[in-house]
N, C-alpha and C. Protein backbone atom coordinates (compact mmCIF):
# COMPACT_ATOMS: atom_id res chain seq x y z
N UNK A 1 -71.11 -4.84 -3.26
CA UNK A 1 -70.62 -6.07 -3.81
C UNK A 1 -69.17 -5.98 -4.23
N UNK A 2 -68.81 -4.88 -4.79
CA UNK A 2 -67.44 -4.72 -5.23
C UNK A 2 -66.48 -4.72 -4.05
N UNK A 3 -66.98 -4.25 -2.93
CA UNK A 3 -66.14 -4.23 -1.75
C UNK A 3 -65.80 -5.63 -1.28
N UNK A 4 -66.73 -6.59 -1.44
CA UNK A 4 -66.48 -7.98 -1.05
C UNK A 4 -65.34 -8.57 -1.86
N UNK A 5 -65.27 -8.21 -3.09
CA UNK A 5 -64.23 -8.74 -3.95
C UNK A 5 -62.85 -8.20 -3.56
N UNK A 6 -62.80 -6.99 -3.12
CA UNK A 6 -61.52 -6.40 -2.76
C UNK A 6 -61.07 -6.88 -1.39
N UNK A 7 -62.00 -7.33 -0.55
CA UNK A 7 -61.66 -7.77 0.79
C UNK A 7 -61.25 -9.24 0.84
N UNK A 8 -61.32 -9.92 -0.29
CA UNK A 8 -60.94 -11.33 -0.31
C UNK A 8 -59.48 -11.46 0.08
N UNK A 9 -59.22 -12.55 0.76
CA UNK A 9 -57.85 -12.79 1.20
C UNK A 9 -56.98 -13.08 -0.01
N UNK A 10 -55.78 -12.58 0.00
CA UNK A 10 -54.90 -12.86 -1.14
C UNK A 10 -54.51 -14.35 -1.14
N UNK A 11 -54.36 -14.88 -2.31
CA UNK A 11 -53.98 -16.29 -2.44
C UNK A 11 -52.56 -16.48 -1.93
N UNK A 12 -52.39 -17.60 -1.25
CA UNK A 12 -51.06 -17.87 -0.69
C UNK A 12 -50.12 -18.31 -1.80
N UNK A 13 -48.96 -17.78 -1.78
CA UNK A 13 -47.94 -18.19 -2.75
C UNK A 13 -46.76 -18.73 -1.96
N UNK A 14 -46.22 -19.78 -2.44
CA UNK A 14 -45.06 -20.34 -1.77
C UNK A 14 -43.82 -19.91 -2.52
N UNK A 15 -42.89 -19.44 -1.77
CA UNK A 15 -41.65 -19.01 -2.37
C UNK A 15 -40.66 -20.16 -2.33
N UNK A 16 -40.13 -20.49 -3.47
CA UNK A 16 -39.14 -21.56 -3.55
C UNK A 16 -37.88 -20.99 -4.15
N UNK A 17 -36.79 -21.61 -3.80
CA UNK A 17 -35.52 -21.19 -4.37
C UNK A 17 -35.48 -21.61 -5.83
N UNK A 18 -34.83 -20.84 -6.62
CA UNK A 18 -34.72 -21.16 -8.03
C UNK A 18 -33.56 -22.14 -8.22
N UNK A 19 -33.88 -23.42 -8.14
CA UNK A 19 -32.84 -24.43 -8.28
C UNK A 19 -32.86 -25.05 -9.67
N UNK A 20 -33.82 -24.66 -10.49
CA UNK A 20 -33.90 -25.23 -11.82
C UNK A 20 -34.68 -26.55 -11.82
N UNK A 21 -35.10 -26.99 -10.65
CA UNK A 21 -35.86 -28.23 -10.55
C UNK A 21 -37.29 -27.87 -10.21
N UNK A 22 -38.21 -28.46 -10.90
CA UNK A 22 -39.60 -28.17 -10.62
C UNK A 22 -40.00 -28.80 -9.30
N UNK A 23 -40.92 -28.19 -8.57
CA UNK A 23 -41.34 -28.72 -7.27
C UNK A 23 -41.89 -30.15 -7.36
N UNK A 24 -42.59 -30.48 -8.43
CA UNK A 24 -43.13 -31.83 -8.55
C UNK A 24 -42.00 -32.85 -8.69
N UNK A 25 -40.95 -32.49 -9.38
CA UNK A 25 -39.81 -33.39 -9.52
C UNK A 25 -39.13 -33.58 -8.18
N UNK A 26 -39.05 -32.53 -7.40
CA UNK A 26 -38.43 -32.62 -6.08
C UNK A 26 -39.23 -33.56 -5.20
N UNK A 27 -40.53 -33.44 -5.23
CA UNK A 27 -41.34 -34.32 -4.39
C UNK A 27 -41.22 -35.76 -4.86
N UNK A 28 -41.10 -35.98 -6.16
CA UNK A 28 -40.92 -37.35 -6.67
C UNK A 28 -39.58 -37.92 -6.20
N UNK A 29 -38.55 -37.07 -6.19
CA UNK A 29 -37.24 -37.52 -5.71
C UNK A 29 -37.29 -37.83 -4.21
N UNK A 30 -37.99 -36.96 -3.46
CA UNK A 30 -38.14 -37.21 -2.03
C UNK A 30 -38.88 -38.52 -1.78
N UNK A 31 -39.92 -38.75 -2.56
CA UNK A 31 -40.70 -39.99 -2.41
C UNK A 31 -39.83 -41.20 -2.77
N UNK A 32 -39.03 -41.09 -3.81
CA UNK A 32 -38.15 -42.19 -4.19
C UNK A 32 -37.13 -42.46 -3.10
N UNK A 33 -36.61 -41.40 -2.47
CA UNK A 33 -35.68 -41.57 -1.36
C UNK A 33 -36.35 -42.28 -0.18
N UNK A 34 -37.58 -41.89 0.11
CA UNK A 34 -38.31 -42.53 1.20
C UNK A 34 -38.53 -44.01 0.92
N UNK A 35 -38.88 -44.32 -0.32
CA UNK A 35 -39.10 -45.72 -0.70
C UNK A 35 -37.80 -46.50 -0.60
N UNK A 36 -36.70 -45.89 -1.04
CA UNK A 36 -35.40 -46.56 -0.96
C UNK A 36 -35.01 -46.82 0.49
N UNK A 37 -35.26 -45.85 1.36
CA UNK A 37 -34.95 -46.03 2.79
C UNK A 37 -35.81 -47.14 3.39
N UNK A 38 -37.08 -47.18 3.03
CA UNK A 38 -37.98 -48.20 3.54
C UNK A 38 -37.53 -49.59 3.07
N UNK A 39 -37.14 -49.69 1.79
CA UNK A 39 -36.66 -50.97 1.27
C UNK A 39 -35.38 -51.41 1.98
N UNK A 40 -34.50 -50.47 2.26
CA UNK A 40 -33.26 -50.81 2.96
C UNK A 40 -33.56 -51.32 4.36
N UNK A 41 -34.49 -50.64 5.08
CA UNK A 41 -34.86 -51.12 6.42
C UNK A 41 -35.47 -52.52 6.35
N UNK A 42 -36.31 -52.76 5.36
CA UNK A 42 -36.94 -54.07 5.21
C UNK A 42 -35.90 -55.15 4.88
N UNK A 43 -34.96 -54.83 4.03
CA UNK A 43 -33.90 -55.78 3.71
C UNK A 43 -33.03 -56.09 4.92
N UNK A 44 -32.73 -55.07 5.71
CA UNK A 44 -31.96 -55.28 6.94
C UNK A 44 -32.72 -56.20 7.90
N UNK A 45 -34.03 -55.98 8.01
CA UNK A 45 -34.85 -56.81 8.90
C UNK A 45 -34.88 -58.26 8.39
N UNK A 46 -34.99 -58.43 7.08
CA UNK A 46 -34.99 -59.78 6.51
C UNK A 46 -33.65 -60.48 6.75
N UNK A 47 -32.56 -59.73 6.62
CA UNK A 47 -31.23 -60.30 6.88
C UNK A 47 -31.13 -60.78 8.33
N UNK A 48 -31.65 -59.97 9.25
CA UNK A 48 -31.61 -60.35 10.67
C UNK A 48 -32.45 -61.60 10.91
N UNK A 49 -33.62 -61.66 10.31
CA UNK A 49 -34.48 -62.84 10.47
C UNK A 49 -33.82 -64.08 9.88
N UNK A 50 -33.19 -63.93 8.73
CA UNK A 50 -32.51 -65.06 8.10
C UNK A 50 -31.38 -65.57 8.98
N UNK A 51 -30.63 -64.66 9.57
CA UNK A 51 -29.54 -65.05 10.47
C UNK A 51 -30.09 -65.81 11.66
N UNK A 52 -31.20 -65.34 12.22
CA UNK A 52 -31.81 -66.03 13.36
C UNK A 52 -32.33 -67.41 12.96
N UNK A 53 -32.93 -67.52 11.77
CA UNK A 53 -33.43 -68.81 11.30
C UNK A 53 -32.28 -69.80 11.09
N UNK A 54 -31.18 -69.32 10.53
CA UNK A 54 -30.02 -70.19 10.33
C UNK A 54 -29.47 -70.69 11.66
N UNK A 55 -29.41 -69.81 12.64
CA UNK A 55 -28.92 -70.21 13.96
C UNK A 55 -29.85 -71.24 14.58
N UNK A 56 -31.15 -71.04 14.43
CA UNK A 56 -32.13 -71.98 14.97
C UNK A 56 -32.01 -73.34 14.29
N UNK A 57 -31.84 -73.35 12.98
CA UNK A 57 -31.68 -74.61 12.24
C UNK A 57 -30.41 -75.33 12.67
N UNK A 58 -29.35 -74.58 12.92
CA UNK A 58 -28.10 -75.19 13.36
C UNK A 58 -28.25 -75.81 14.75
N UNK A 59 -28.95 -75.10 15.65
CA UNK A 59 -29.17 -75.66 16.99
C UNK A 59 -30.01 -76.92 16.93
N UNK A 60 -31.02 -76.93 16.06
CA UNK A 60 -31.85 -78.13 15.92
C UNK A 60 -31.02 -79.30 15.40
N UNK A 61 -30.18 -79.03 14.42
CA UNK A 61 -29.38 -80.10 13.83
C UNK A 61 -28.40 -80.68 14.84
N UNK A 62 -27.79 -79.82 15.63
CA UNK A 62 -26.81 -80.27 16.62
C UNK A 62 -27.50 -80.90 17.83
N UNK A 63 -28.57 -80.27 18.28
CA UNK A 63 -29.23 -80.72 19.49
C UNK A 63 -30.21 -81.85 19.27
N UNK A 64 -30.70 -82.01 18.07
CA UNK A 64 -31.67 -83.05 17.80
C UNK A 64 -33.01 -82.79 18.45
N UNK A 65 -33.30 -81.55 18.76
CA UNK A 65 -34.55 -81.19 19.43
C UNK A 65 -35.59 -80.85 18.38
N UNK A 66 -36.83 -81.30 18.62
CA UNK A 66 -37.91 -80.97 17.70
C UNK A 66 -38.82 -79.94 18.33
N UNK A 67 -39.53 -79.24 17.51
CA UNK A 67 -40.47 -78.25 18.02
C UNK A 67 -41.70 -78.94 18.56
N UNK A 68 -42.35 -78.31 19.50
CA UNK A 68 -43.59 -78.85 20.03
C UNK A 68 -44.63 -78.85 18.92
N UNK A 69 -45.42 -79.89 18.92
CA UNK A 69 -46.47 -79.99 17.92
C UNK A 69 -46.07 -80.82 16.71
N UNK A 70 -44.81 -81.12 16.58
CA UNK A 70 -44.39 -81.97 15.48
C UNK A 70 -44.57 -83.42 15.88
N UNK A 71 -45.03 -84.21 14.96
CA UNK A 71 -45.26 -85.62 15.23
C UNK A 71 -43.95 -86.37 15.00
N UNK A 72 -43.55 -87.11 16.01
CA UNK A 72 -42.35 -87.90 15.89
C UNK A 72 -42.68 -89.15 15.06
N UNK A 73 -41.78 -89.49 14.18
CA UNK A 73 -42.00 -90.67 13.36
C UNK A 73 -41.85 -91.91 14.24
N UNK A 74 -42.82 -92.76 14.15
CA UNK A 74 -42.79 -93.98 14.92
C UNK A 74 -42.07 -95.04 14.11
N UNK A 75 -41.09 -95.69 14.72
CA UNK A 75 -40.31 -96.70 14.02
C UNK A 75 -41.15 -97.97 13.93
N UNK A 76 -41.22 -98.51 12.74
CA UNK A 76 -41.94 -99.76 12.52
C UNK A 76 -40.95 -100.89 12.69
N UNK A 77 -41.29 -101.79 13.60
CA UNK A 77 -40.41 -102.91 13.90
C UNK A 77 -40.65 -104.04 12.90
N UNK A 78 -39.56 -104.55 12.35
CA UNK A 78 -39.69 -105.65 11.40
C UNK A 78 -39.88 -106.96 12.14
N UNK A 79 -40.30 -107.99 11.41
CA UNK A 79 -40.51 -109.31 12.01
C UNK A 79 -39.21 -109.87 12.57
N UNK A 80 -38.12 -109.62 11.87
CA UNK A 80 -36.82 -110.12 12.33
C UNK A 80 -36.42 -109.47 13.65
N UNK A 81 -36.64 -108.16 13.75
CA UNK A 81 -36.30 -107.46 14.99
C UNK A 81 -37.17 -107.96 16.15
N UNK A 82 -38.45 -108.18 15.89
CA UNK A 82 -39.35 -108.67 16.93
C UNK A 82 -38.93 -110.08 17.38
N UNK A 83 -38.57 -110.92 16.41
CA UNK A 83 -38.14 -112.28 16.73
C UNK A 83 -36.87 -112.24 17.57
N UNK A 84 -35.96 -111.37 17.22
CA UNK A 84 -34.71 -111.25 17.97
C UNK A 84 -34.98 -110.81 19.41
N UNK A 85 -35.87 -109.82 19.59
CA UNK A 85 -36.22 -109.39 20.95
C UNK A 85 -36.93 -110.52 21.71
N UNK A 86 -37.76 -111.31 21.02
CA UNK A 86 -38.47 -112.42 21.66
C UNK A 86 -37.49 -113.49 22.13
N UNK A 87 -36.49 -113.77 21.29
CA UNK A 87 -35.50 -114.80 21.63
C UNK A 87 -34.63 -114.34 22.82
N UNK A 88 -34.42 -113.04 22.97
CA UNK A 88 -33.65 -112.53 24.10
C UNK A 88 -34.49 -112.47 25.37
N UNK A 89 -35.79 -112.61 25.24
CA UNK A 89 -36.67 -112.57 26.40
C UNK A 89 -37.15 -111.17 26.73
N UNK A 90 -36.91 -110.23 25.85
CA UNK A 90 -37.34 -108.86 26.08
C UNK A 90 -38.84 -108.67 25.83
N UNK A 91 -39.43 -109.56 25.05
CA UNK A 91 -40.83 -109.44 24.67
C UNK A 91 -41.56 -110.70 25.09
N UNK A 92 -42.74 -110.53 25.70
CA UNK A 92 -43.59 -111.65 26.05
C UNK A 92 -44.94 -111.42 25.37
N UNK A 93 -45.22 -112.13 24.26
CA UNK A 93 -46.46 -111.89 23.52
C UNK A 93 -47.70 -112.19 24.34
N UNK A 94 -47.61 -113.08 25.32
CA UNK A 94 -48.79 -113.38 26.12
C UNK A 94 -49.16 -112.20 27.02
N UNK A 95 -48.16 -111.53 27.57
CA UNK A 95 -48.43 -110.35 28.43
C UNK A 95 -48.96 -109.20 27.58
N UNK A 96 -48.39 -109.00 26.41
CA UNK A 96 -48.80 -107.90 25.54
C UNK A 96 -50.26 -108.06 25.13
N UNK A 97 -50.67 -109.28 24.78
CA UNK A 97 -52.06 -109.51 24.38
C UNK A 97 -53.00 -109.27 25.55
N UNK A 98 -52.61 -109.67 26.75
CA UNK A 98 -53.47 -109.49 27.92
C UNK A 98 -53.60 -107.99 28.25
N UNK A 99 -52.56 -107.20 28.05
CA UNK A 99 -52.60 -105.77 28.34
C UNK A 99 -53.46 -105.03 27.33
N UNK A 100 -53.47 -105.48 26.08
CA UNK A 100 -54.21 -104.81 25.03
C UNK A 100 -55.72 -105.03 25.21
N UNK A 101 -56.12 -106.18 25.76
CA UNK A 101 -57.57 -106.47 25.91
C UNK A 101 -58.07 -105.85 27.13
């Protein structure tokens, strides 16, 4: 039995340089650096997306183009406008009623 105890593998020890900083503090600093890098990448990506959205909004404003799926507002014609079109001969209420039925 005593022989089994002496044959046990020695525990692994990690050798670190004596920098005066504890290993746990170093890992916390490394983790903070990783988080900072990740945040910077995410902010850069958001900036790029914002730039693309601004360009898209500018093109829409200049071009007057709407996205597919958006409902176009239907203009409601007033009685005065309808009367004016009727007087010009552009509208024939008898034909419109026959087409609707």
